[in-house]
N, C-alpha and C. Protein backbone atom coordinates (compact mmCIF):
# COMPACT_ATOMS: atom_id res chain seq x y z
N THR A 1 -5.13 5.78 19.44
CA THR A 1 -4.49 4.37 19.65
C THR A 1 -5.04 3.16 19.70
N ARG A 2 -4.85 2.10 18.97
CA ARG A 2 -5.12 0.53 19.26
C ARG A 2 -4.75 -0.37 20.13
N ALA A 3 -5.22 -1.05 20.71
CA ALA A 3 -4.41 -2.05 21.44
C ALA A 3 -3.49 -2.95 20.67
N ASN A 4 -2.91 -2.80 19.61
CA ASN A 4 -2.12 -3.13 19.25
C ASN A 4 -0.71 -2.48 18.85
N GLY A 5 -0.94 -1.36 19.37
CA GLY A 5 0.34 -0.45 19.47
C GLY A 5 -0.12 0.87 17.59
N VAL A 6 -1.13 0.66 17.66
CA VAL A 6 -1.06 1.41 16.21
C VAL A 6 -2.10 2.75 16.11
N SER A 7 -1.69 3.71 15.43
CA SER A 7 -2.55 5.32 15.75
C SER A 7 -3.16 5.01 14.33
N VAL A 8 -3.96 5.61 14.67
CA VAL A 8 -4.77 5.69 13.12
C VAL A 8 -4.98 7.13 12.98
N VAL A 9 -4.27 8.37 11.77
CA VAL A 9 -4.56 9.39 11.66
C VAL A 9 -5.71 9.82 10.84
N ASP A 10 -6.71 10.20 10.75
CA ASP A 10 -7.90 10.75 9.55
C ASP A 10 -7.79 11.34 8.28
N SER A 11 -7.64 11.94 7.60
CA SER A 11 -7.77 12.42 6.74
C SER A 11 -8.48 12.63 5.99
N ARG A 12 -8.77 14.06 5.06
CA ARG A 12 -8.96 13.88 3.89
C ARG A 12 -8.57 14.95 2.67
N LEU A 13 -8.66 14.34 1.34
CA LEU A 13 -7.46 15.33 0.10
C LEU A 13 -8.54 15.33 -0.41
N ASN A 14 -9.06 17.07 -0.20
CA ASN A 14 -9.60 18.26 -0.68
C ASN A 14 -9.33 17.93 -2.60
N GLN A 15 -10.28 17.62 -3.40
CA GLN A 15 -10.27 17.95 -5.07
C GLN A 15 -10.92 19.30 -5.43
N THR A 16 -10.55 19.59 -6.53
CA THR A 16 -10.75 20.95 -7.25
C THR A 16 -12.17 20.43 -7.60
N THR A 17 -12.11 19.34 -8.51
CA THR A 17 -13.70 18.48 -8.38
C THR A 17 -13.70 17.15 -8.14
N GLY A 18 -14.57 17.23 -8.19
CA GLY A 18 -15.09 16.18 -6.78
C GLY A 18 -15.30 16.01 -5.73
N GLN A 19 -15.49 14.79 -5.04
CA GLN A 19 -15.65 15.13 -3.70
C GLN A 19 -14.74 14.91 -3.04
N PRO A 20 -14.09 14.66 -1.70
CA PRO A 20 -12.97 14.72 -0.99
C PRO A 20 -12.58 13.23 -1.13
N ILE A 21 -11.35 13.02 -0.59
CA ILE A 21 -11.03 11.38 -0.92
C ILE A 21 -10.76 11.06 0.78
N LYS A 22 -10.85 10.50 1.37
CA LYS A 22 -11.33 9.85 2.68
C LYS A 22 -9.72 8.97 2.66
N LEU A 23 -8.57 9.22 3.39
CA LEU A 23 -7.39 8.93 3.67
C LEU A 23 -7.34 8.31 5.40
N GLU A 24 -6.79 7.12 5.60
CA GLU A 24 -6.67 6.90 6.88
C GLU A 24 -5.57 6.01 7.02
N TRP A 25 -4.43 6.94 7.62
CA TRP A 25 -2.54 6.33 8.05
C TRP A 25 -2.46 5.58 9.16
N GLU A 26 -1.73 4.34 8.85
CA GLU A 26 -1.93 3.63 10.12
C GLU A 26 -0.25 4.04 10.58
N VAL A 27 0.01 4.19 12.14
CA VAL A 27 1.43 4.17 11.85
C VAL A 27 1.83 4.05 13.35
N ARG A 28 2.99 2.94 13.44
CA ARG A 28 3.08 2.50 14.28
C ARG A 28 4.86 2.42 14.45
N ASP A 29 5.33 3.02 15.79
CA ASP A 29 6.45 3.36 16.10
C ASP A 29 7.24 4.62 15.29
N GLY A 30 5.40 5.72 14.69
CA GLY A 30 6.34 6.72 14.33
C GLY A 30 6.83 5.95 12.47
N LYS A 31 6.39 5.04 12.38
CA LYS A 31 6.35 4.90 10.89
C LYS A 31 5.12 4.53 10.30
N ILE A 32 4.41 5.14 8.92
CA ILE A 32 3.40 4.01 8.20
C ILE A 32 3.50 2.90 7.64
N THR A 33 3.01 2.72 8.34
CA THR A 33 2.31 1.22 7.97
C THR A 33 1.57 0.53 6.94
N ASP A 34 0.40 1.52 6.73
CA ASP A 34 -0.23 0.76 5.72
C ASP A 34 -1.12 2.68 5.50
N VAL A 35 -2.04 2.75 4.49
CA VAL A 35 -2.76 3.78 4.70
C VAL A 35 -4.20 3.00 3.38
N LYS A 36 -5.31 3.39 3.89
CA LYS A 36 -6.47 3.19 3.45
C LYS A 36 -6.71 4.12 2.69
N VAL A 37 -7.50 4.55 1.10
CA VAL A 37 -8.06 5.06 0.32
C VAL A 37 -9.64 4.95 0.40
N GLU A 38 -10.20 5.63 1.22
CA GLU A 38 -11.99 4.96 1.03
C GLU A 38 -12.02 4.34 1.37
N GLY A 39 -11.26 3.46 2.30
CA GLY A 39 -11.39 2.55 2.79
C GLY A 39 -10.80 0.81 2.54
N VAL A 40 -9.76 1.33 0.93
CA VAL A 40 -9.25 0.06 0.51
C VAL A 40 -7.58 0.70 0.81
N SER A 41 -7.14 -0.77 1.91
CA SER A 41 -5.94 -0.73 2.37
C SER A 41 -4.56 -0.68 0.78
N MET A 42 -3.74 -0.05 0.88
CA MET A 42 -2.77 -0.09 0.05
C MET A 42 -2.31 -1.72 -0.33
N VAL A 43 -1.39 -1.88 1.29
CA VAL A 43 -0.52 -3.06 1.88
C VAL A 43 -1.91 -4.20 1.22
N MET A 44 -2.67 -4.04 1.57
CA MET A 44 -3.49 -5.51 0.97
C MET A 44 -3.84 -5.70 -0.32
N THR A 45 -3.84 -4.46 -1.22
CA THR A 45 -3.85 -4.62 -2.75
C THR A 45 -2.33 -4.36 -3.15
N ARG A 46 -1.37 -3.54 -2.18
CA ARG A 46 0.09 -4.27 -3.11
C ARG A 46 0.39 -5.83 -2.86
N ARG A 47 0.21 -6.58 -1.78
CA ARG A 47 0.15 -7.53 -1.93
C ARG A 47 -0.34 -8.65 -2.77
N SER A 48 -1.28 -8.39 -2.93
CA SER A 48 -2.70 -9.40 -4.47
C SER A 48 -1.52 -9.22 -5.18
N ASP A 49 -1.27 -7.63 -5.59
CA ASP A 49 -0.56 -7.83 -7.25
C ASP A 49 0.39 -8.25 -7.21
N PHE A 50 1.52 -8.62 -5.91
CA PHE A 50 2.59 -9.08 -5.92
C PHE A 50 1.98 -10.79 -5.85
N ASN A 51 1.31 -11.23 -5.51
CA ASN A 51 0.87 -12.43 -5.94
C ASN A 51 0.52 -12.93 -6.89
N SER A 52 -0.31 -11.82 -7.55
CA SER A 52 -0.90 -12.12 -9.15
C SER A 52 0.03 -12.34 -9.92
N TYR A 53 1.53 -11.41 -9.71
CA TYR A 53 2.85 -11.50 -10.55
C TYR A 53 3.14 -12.71 -10.83
N ILE A 54 3.03 -13.22 -9.29
CA ILE A 54 3.80 -14.65 -8.63
C ILE A 54 3.60 -15.61 -9.51
N GLN A 55 2.31 -15.76 -9.39
CA GLN A 55 1.68 -17.05 -9.85
C GLN A 55 1.59 -16.65 -11.18
N ASN A 56 1.50 -15.43 -11.96
CA ASN A 56 1.66 -15.00 -13.46
C ASN A 56 3.59 -15.76 -14.33
N ASN A 57 3.96 -16.15 -13.26
CA ASN A 57 5.07 -16.19 -13.61
C ASN A 57 5.85 -17.45 -13.14
N GLY A 58 5.14 -18.64 -13.08
CA GLY A 58 5.28 -19.67 -13.14
C GLY A 58 5.69 -19.71 -11.30
N GLY A 59 4.78 -18.74 -10.42
CA GLY A 59 5.22 -19.30 -8.85
C GLY A 59 6.63 -19.44 -8.09
N LYS A 60 7.25 -18.40 -9.10
CA LYS A 60 8.67 -18.00 -8.81
C LYS A 60 8.75 -16.62 -8.23
N VAL A 61 9.33 -16.34 -7.20
CA VAL A 61 9.31 -15.13 -6.51
C VAL A 61 10.79 -14.58 -7.11
N ASP A 62 11.61 -14.91 -7.30
CA ASP A 62 12.35 -14.36 -8.28
C ASP A 62 12.26 -13.48 -9.27
N ALA A 63 10.82 -13.94 -9.85
CA ALA A 63 10.73 -12.87 -11.03
C ALA A 63 10.09 -11.89 -10.51
N LEU A 64 9.37 -11.55 -9.21
CA LEU A 64 9.03 -10.15 -9.24
C LEU A 64 10.40 -9.72 -8.04
N ILE A 65 11.59 -10.65 -8.00
CA ILE A 65 11.94 -9.59 -7.45
C ILE A 65 13.12 -9.17 -8.55
N ALA A 66 13.17 -9.80 -9.68
CA ALA A 66 13.73 -8.88 -10.95
C ALA A 66 13.26 -8.07 -11.26
N GLU A 67 11.77 -8.20 -11.67
CA GLU A 67 11.08 -6.97 -12.09
C GLU A 67 11.20 -5.72 -10.71
N MET A 68 10.96 -5.67 -9.82
CA MET A 68 11.83 -5.10 -8.88
C MET A 68 12.76 -4.29 -8.89
N GLU A 69 13.89 -4.59 -9.11
CA GLU A 69 15.10 -4.58 -9.31
C GLU A 69 15.45 -3.77 -10.48
N LYS A 70 14.45 -3.98 -11.62
CA LYS A 70 14.59 -3.15 -12.58
C LYS A 70 14.08 -2.14 -13.00
N ARG A 71 12.38 -1.89 -12.17
CA ARG A 71 12.20 -0.74 -12.08
C ARG A 71 13.22 0.20 -10.92
N ALA A 72 13.73 -0.15 -10.26
CA ALA A 72 14.27 0.63 -9.10
C ALA A 72 15.44 1.23 -10.05
N ALA A 73 16.01 -0.04 -10.87
CA ALA A 73 17.21 0.63 -11.23
C ALA A 73 17.05 2.57 -12.24
N VAL A 74 15.50 1.93 -12.77
CA VAL A 74 15.11 3.16 -13.73
C VAL A 74 14.87 4.39 -13.24
N GLN A 75 14.44 4.52 -11.74
CA GLN A 75 14.89 5.77 -11.25
C GLN A 75 15.85 6.66 -10.95
């Protein structure tokens, strides 16, 4: 457990072909707050994706919200 209250759980995903993939789960208060795949934060990757989408749609967050609602409705 880190000083900020986040616990880190290391694991590996074994593949039938290729090398195992290193996963690092960050957990706070019993909830997963981030997953790092081979050292790459999925939270930071998603944040970058969201920022790009917003910038490509006139800087409006409403476009991102509408897209997310549309995708959620398909599920």
